[in-house]
PDB file of all heavy atoms in Angstrom:
ATOM      1  N   LEU A   1      -7.626  15.843  -7.206  1.00  0.00           N
ATOM      2  CA  LEU A   1      -8.578  14.740  -7.059  1.00  0.00           C
ATOM      3  C   LEU A   1      -7.969  13.454  -7.613  1.00  0.00           C
ATOM      4  O   LEU A   1      -8.016  12.388  -6.978  1.00  0.00           O
ATOM      5  CB  LEU A   1      -9.867  15.092  -7.792  1.00  0.00           C
ATOM      6  CG  LEU A   1     -11.119  14.272  -7.465  1.00  0.00           C
ATOM      7  CD1 LEU A   1     -11.602  14.576  -6.056  1.00  0.00           C
ATOM      8  CD2 LEU A   1     -12.222  14.581  -8.469  1.00  0.00           C
ATOM      9  N   ILE A   2      -7.369  13.548  -8.802  1.00  0.00           N
ATOM     10  CA  ILE A   2      -6.722  12.384  -9.423  1.00  0.00           C
ATOM     11  C   ILE A   2      -5.509  11.946  -8.599  1.00  0.00           C
ATOM     12  O   ILE A   2      -5.258  10.747  -8.414  1.00  0.00           O
ATOM     13  CB  ILE A   2      -6.303  12.719 -10.872  1.00  0.00           C
ATOM     14  CG1 ILE A   2      -7.543  13.057 -11.713  1.00  0.00           C
ATOM     15  CG2 ILE A   2      -5.535  11.560 -11.501  1.00  0.00           C
ATOM     16  CD1 ILE A   2      -7.229  13.615 -13.088  1.00  0.00           C
ATOM     17  N   GLN A   3      -4.762  12.918  -8.092  1.00  0.00           N
ATOM     18  CA  GLN A   3      -3.589  12.612  -7.273  1.00  0.00           C
ATOM     19  C   GLN A   3      -4.007  11.864  -5.999  1.00  0.00           C
ATOM     20  O   GLN A   3      -3.342  10.900  -5.585  1.00  0.00           O
ATOM     21  CB  GLN A   3      -2.864  13.908  -6.895  1.00  0.00           C
ATOM     22  CG  GLN A   3      -1.535  13.686  -6.194  1.00  0.00           C
ATOM     23  CD  GLN A   3      -0.942  14.985  -5.667  1.00  0.00           C
ATOM     24  OE1 GLN A   3      -1.669  15.874  -5.209  1.00  0.00           O
ATOM     25  NE2 GLN A   3       0.368  15.108  -5.720  1.00  0.00           N
ATOM     26  N   GLY A   4      -5.118  12.277  -5.386  1.00  0.00           N
ATOM     27  CA  GLY A   4      -5.615  11.597  -4.197  1.00  0.00           C
ATOM     28  C   GLY A   4      -6.036  10.165  -4.482  1.00  0.00           C
ATOM     29  O   GLY A   4      -5.833   9.266  -3.655  1.00  0.00           O
ATOM     30  N   ALA A   5      -6.622   9.945  -5.674  1.00  0.00           N
ATOM     31  CA  ALA A   5      -7.012   8.584  -6.061  1.00  0.00           C
ATOM     32  C   ALA A   5      -5.781   7.695  -6.228  1.00  0.00           C
ATOM     33  O   ALA A   5      -5.764   6.538  -5.793  1.00  0.00           O
ATOM     34  CB  ALA A   5      -7.819   8.631  -7.352  1.00  0.00           C
ATOM     35  N   GLY A   6      -4.733   8.237  -6.870  1.00  0.00           N
ATOM     36  CA  GLY A   6      -3.497   7.469  -7.037  1.00  0.00           C
ATOM     37  C   GLY A   6      -2.815   7.205  -5.710  1.00  0.00           C
ATOM     38  O   GLY A   6      -2.350   6.091  -5.442  1.00  0.00           O
ATOM     39  N   GLY A   7      -2.785   8.218  -4.846  1.00  0.00           N
ATOM     40  CA  GLY A   7      -2.121   8.065  -3.553  1.00  0.00           C
ATOM     41  C   GLY A   7      -2.866   7.149  -2.603  1.00  0.00           C
ATOM     42  O   GLY A   7      -2.250   6.527  -1.726  1.00  0.00           O
ATOM     43  N   GLY A   8      -4.186   7.026  -2.764  1.00  0.00           N
ATOM     44  CA  GLY A   8      -4.980   6.211  -1.854  1.00  0.00           C
ATOM     45  C   GLY A   8      -4.619   4.743  -1.859  1.00  0.00           C
ATOM     46  O   GLY A   8      -4.832   4.048  -0.861  1.00  0.00           O
ATOM     47  N   GLY A   9      -4.069   4.247  -2.975  1.00  0.00           N
ATOM     48  CA  GLY A   9      -3.726   2.830  -3.045  1.00  0.00           C
ATOM     49  C   GLY A   9      -2.323   2.499  -2.597  1.00  0.00           C
ATOM     50  O   GLY A   9      -1.971   1.318  -2.469  1.00  0.00           O
ATOM     51  N   LEU A  10      -1.491   3.505  -2.337  1.00  0.00           N
ATOM     52  CA  LEU A  10      -0.080   3.257  -2.030  1.00  0.00           C
ATOM     53  C   LEU A  10       0.125   2.694  -0.621  1.00  0.00           C
ATOM     54  O   LEU A  10       0.812   1.685  -0.438  1.00  0.00           O
ATOM     55  CB  LEU A  10       0.736   4.540  -2.216  1.00  0.00           C
ATOM     56  CG  LEU A  10       0.818   5.081  -3.645  1.00  0.00           C
ATOM     57  CD1 LEU A  10       1.594   6.394  -3.684  1.00  0.00           C
ATOM     58  CD2 LEU A  10       1.476   4.058  -4.568  1.00  0.00           C
ATOM     59  N   GLY A  11      -0.433   3.345   0.394  1.00  0.00           N
ATOM     60  CA  GLY A  11      -0.236   2.912   1.772  1.00  0.00           C
ATOM     61  C   GLY A  11      -0.727   1.493   2.044  1.00  0.00           C
ATOM     62  O   GLY A  11       0.027   0.658   2.565  1.00  0.00           O
ATOM     63  N   PRO A  12      -2.008   1.162   1.699  1.00  0.00           N
ATOM     64  CA  PRO A  12      -2.491  -0.200   1.927  1.00  0.00           C
ATOM     65  C   PRO A  12      -1.684  -1.257   1.169  1.00  0.00           C
ATOM     66  O   PRO A  12      -1.422  -2.335   1.699  1.00  0.00           O
ATOM     67  CB  PRO A  12      -3.934  -0.145   1.402  1.00  0.00           C
ATOM     68  CG  PRO A  12      -4.314   1.280   1.482  1.00  0.00           C
ATOM     69  CD  PRO A  12      -3.068   2.053   1.211  1.00  0.00           C
ATOM     70  N   SER A  13      -1.288  -0.929  -0.063  1.00  0.00           N
ATOM     71  CA  SER A  13      -0.508  -1.894  -0.851  1.00  0.00           C
ATOM     72  C   SER A  13       0.841  -2.149  -0.203  1.00  0.00           C
ATOM     73  O   SER A  13       1.306  -3.293  -0.117  1.00  0.00           O
ATOM     74  CB  SER A  13      -0.307  -1.374  -2.283  1.00  0.00           C
ATOM     75  OG  SER A  13      -1.536  -1.252  -2.948  1.00  0.00           O
ATOM     76  N   GLU A  14       1.498  -1.065   0.260  1.00  0.00           N
ATOM     77  CA  GLU A  14       2.810  -1.262   0.888  1.00  0.00           C
ATOM     78  C   GLU A  14       2.695  -2.114   2.144  1.00  0.00           C
ATOM     79  O   GLU A  14       3.479  -3.037   2.354  1.00  0.00           O
ATOM     80  CB  GLU A  14       3.450   0.081   1.263  1.00  0.00           C
ATOM     81  CG  GLU A  14       4.845  -0.137   1.828  1.00  0.00           C
ATOM     82  CD  GLU A  14       5.353   1.001   2.695  1.00  0.00           C
ATOM     83  OE1 GLU A  14       4.803   2.096   2.634  1.00  0.00           O
ATOM     84  OE2 GLU A  14       6.317   0.765   3.443  1.00  0.00           O
ATOM     85  N   GLN A  15       1.708  -1.821   2.978  1.00  0.00           N
ATOM     86  CA  GLN A  15       1.567  -2.567   4.223  1.00  0.00           C
ATOM     87  C   GLN A  15       1.307  -4.044   3.944  1.00  0.00           C
ATOM     88  O   GLN A  15       1.855  -4.923   4.623  1.00  0.00           O
ATOM     89  CB  GLN A  15       0.435  -1.971   5.055  1.00  0.00           C
ATOM     90  CG  GLN A  15       0.417  -2.459   6.488  1.00  0.00           C
ATOM     91  CD  GLN A  15      -0.563  -1.685   7.346  1.00  0.00           C
ATOM     92  OE1 GLN A  15      -0.997  -0.606   6.990  1.00  0.00           O
ATOM     93  NE2 GLN A  15      -0.920  -2.239   8.492  1.00  0.00           N
ATOM     94  N   ALA A  16       0.468  -4.331   2.929  1.00  0.00           N
ATOM     95  CA  ALA A  16       0.200  -5.725   2.570  1.00  0.00           C
ATOM     96  C   ALA A  16       1.450  -6.396   1.996  1.00  0.00           C
ATOM     97  O   ALA A  16       1.717  -7.571   2.274  1.00  0.00           O
ATOM     98  CB  ALA A  16      -0.944  -5.782   1.554  1.00  0.00           C
ATOM     99  N   ILE A  17       2.229  -5.653   1.195  1.00  0.00           N
ATOM    100  CA  ILE A  17       3.478  -6.205   0.641  1.00  0.00           C
ATOM    101  C   ILE A  17       4.434  -6.561   1.776  1.00  0.00           C
ATOM    102  O   ILE A  17       5.060  -7.633   1.768  1.00  0.00           O
ATOM    103  CB  ILE A  17       4.129  -5.191  -0.324  1.00  0.00           C
ATOM    104  CG1 ILE A  17       3.313  -5.094  -1.616  1.00  0.00           C
ATOM    105  CG2 ILE A  17       5.571  -5.607  -0.664  1.00  0.00           C
ATOM    106  CD1 ILE A  17       3.712  -3.943  -2.521  1.00  0.00           C
ATOM    107  N   LEU A  18       4.568  -5.690   2.767  1.00  0.00           N
ATOM    108  CA  LEU A  18       5.450  -5.964   3.907  1.00  0.00           C
ATOM    109  C   LEU A  18       4.958  -7.175   4.697  1.00  0.00           C
ATOM    110  O   LEU A  18       5.759  -8.006   5.142  1.00  0.00           O
ATOM    111  CB  LEU A  18       5.533  -4.741   4.817  1.00  0.00           C
ATOM    112  CG  LEU A  18       6.217  -3.500   4.250  1.00  0.00           C
ATOM    113  CD1 LEU A  18       6.151  -2.356   5.252  1.00  0.00           C
ATOM    114  CD2 LEU A  18       7.662  -3.784   3.870  1.00  0.00           C
ATOM    115  N   ALA A  19       3.640  -7.271   4.898  1.00  0.00           N
ATOM    116  CA  ALA A  19       3.082  -8.388   5.663  1.00  0.00           C
ATOM    117  C   ALA A  19       3.359  -9.719   4.979  1.00  0.00           C
ATOM    118  O   ALA A  19       3.584 -10.739   5.642  1.00  0.00           O
ATOM    119  CB  ALA A  19       1.586  -8.193   5.853  1.00  0.00           C
ATOM    120  N   ASP A  20       3.346  -9.739   3.636  1.00  0.00           N
ATOM    121  CA  ASP A  20       3.616 -10.974   2.900  1.00  0.00           C
ATOM    122  C   ASP A  20       5.107 -11.246   2.739  1.00  0.00           C
ATOM    123  O   ASP A  20       5.539 -12.392   2.707  1.00  0.00           O
ATOM    124  CB  ASP A  20       2.973 -10.904   1.506  1.00  0.00           C
ATOM    125  CG  ASP A  20       1.497 -11.264   1.535  1.00  0.00           C
ATOM    126  OD1 ASP A  20       1.092 -11.971   2.480  1.00  0.00           O
ATOM    127  OD2 ASP A  20       0.761 -10.845   0.631  1.00  0.00           O
ATOM    128  N   THR A  21       5.908 -10.177   2.627  1.00  0.00           N
ATOM    129  CA  THR A  21       7.338 -10.332   2.363  1.00  0.00           C
ATOM    130  C   THR A  21       8.095 -10.835   3.593  1.00  0.00           C
ATOM    131  O   THR A  21       9.044 -11.620   3.468  1.00  0.00           O
ATOM    132  CB  THR A  21       7.935  -8.983   1.907  1.00  0.00           C
ATOM    133  OG1 THR A  21       7.267  -8.566   0.703  1.00  0.00           O
ATOM    134  CG2 THR A  21       9.422  -9.111   1.629  1.00  0.00           C
ATOM    135  N   PHE A  22       7.683 -10.376   4.774  1.00  0.00           N
ATOM    136  CA  PHE A  22       8.400 -10.731   6.005  1.00  0.00           C
ATOM    137  C   PHE A  22       7.665 -11.814   6.780  1.00  0.00           C
ATOM    138  O   PHE A  22       6.433 -11.872   6.774  1.00  0.00           O
ATOM    139  CB  PHE A  22       8.564  -9.495   6.893  1.00  0.00           C
ATOM    140  CG  PHE A  22       9.549  -8.494   6.369  1.00  0.00           C
ATOM    141  CD1 PHE A  22       9.162  -7.542   5.432  1.00  0.00           C
ATOM    142  CD2 PHE A  22      10.865  -8.507   6.788  1.00  0.00           C
ATOM    143  CE1 PHE A  22      10.065  -6.615   4.934  1.00  0.00           C
ATOM    144  CE2 PHE A  22      11.778  -7.587   6.308  1.00  0.00           C
ATOM    145  CZ  PHE A  22      11.386  -6.641   5.376  1.00  0.00           C
ATOM    146  N   GLU A  23       8.436 -12.640   7.468  1.00  0.00           N
ATOM    147  CA  GLU A  23       7.851 -13.618   8.370  1.00  0.00           C
ATOM    148  C   GLU A  23       7.141 -12.881   9.506  1.00  0.00           C
ATOM    149  O   GLU A  23       7.545 -11.771   9.873  1.00  0.00           O
ATOM    150  CB  GLU A  23       8.942 -14.517   8.955  1.00  0.00           C
ATOM    151  CG  GLU A  23       9.689 -15.343   7.916  1.00  0.00           C
ATOM    152  CD  GLU A  23      10.802 -16.151   8.562  1.00  0.00           C
ATOM    153  OE1 GLU A  23      10.791 -16.284   9.806  1.00  0.00           O
ATOM    154  OE2 GLU A  23      11.676 -16.640   7.836  1.00  0.00           O
ATOM    155  N   PRO A  24       6.094 -13.486  10.079  1.00  0.00           N
ATOM    156  CA  PRO A  24       5.364 -12.800  11.153  1.00  0.00           C
ATOM    157  C   PRO A  24       6.253 -12.295  12.279  1.00  0.00           C
ATOM    158  O   PRO A  24       6.005 -11.215  12.825  1.00  0.00           O
ATOM    159  CB  PRO A  24       4.400 -13.888  11.648  1.00  0.00           C
ATOM    160  CG  PRO A  24       4.149 -14.726  10.441  1.00  0.00           C
ATOM    161  CD  PRO A  24       5.447 -14.747   9.683  1.00  0.00           C
TER     162      PRO A  24
END
């Protein structure tokens, strides 16, 4: 349960980081 909570924030954060890091 705790592992799922930690893992739940990884995918959205990475996608947002990529969207900000790279030009459109």
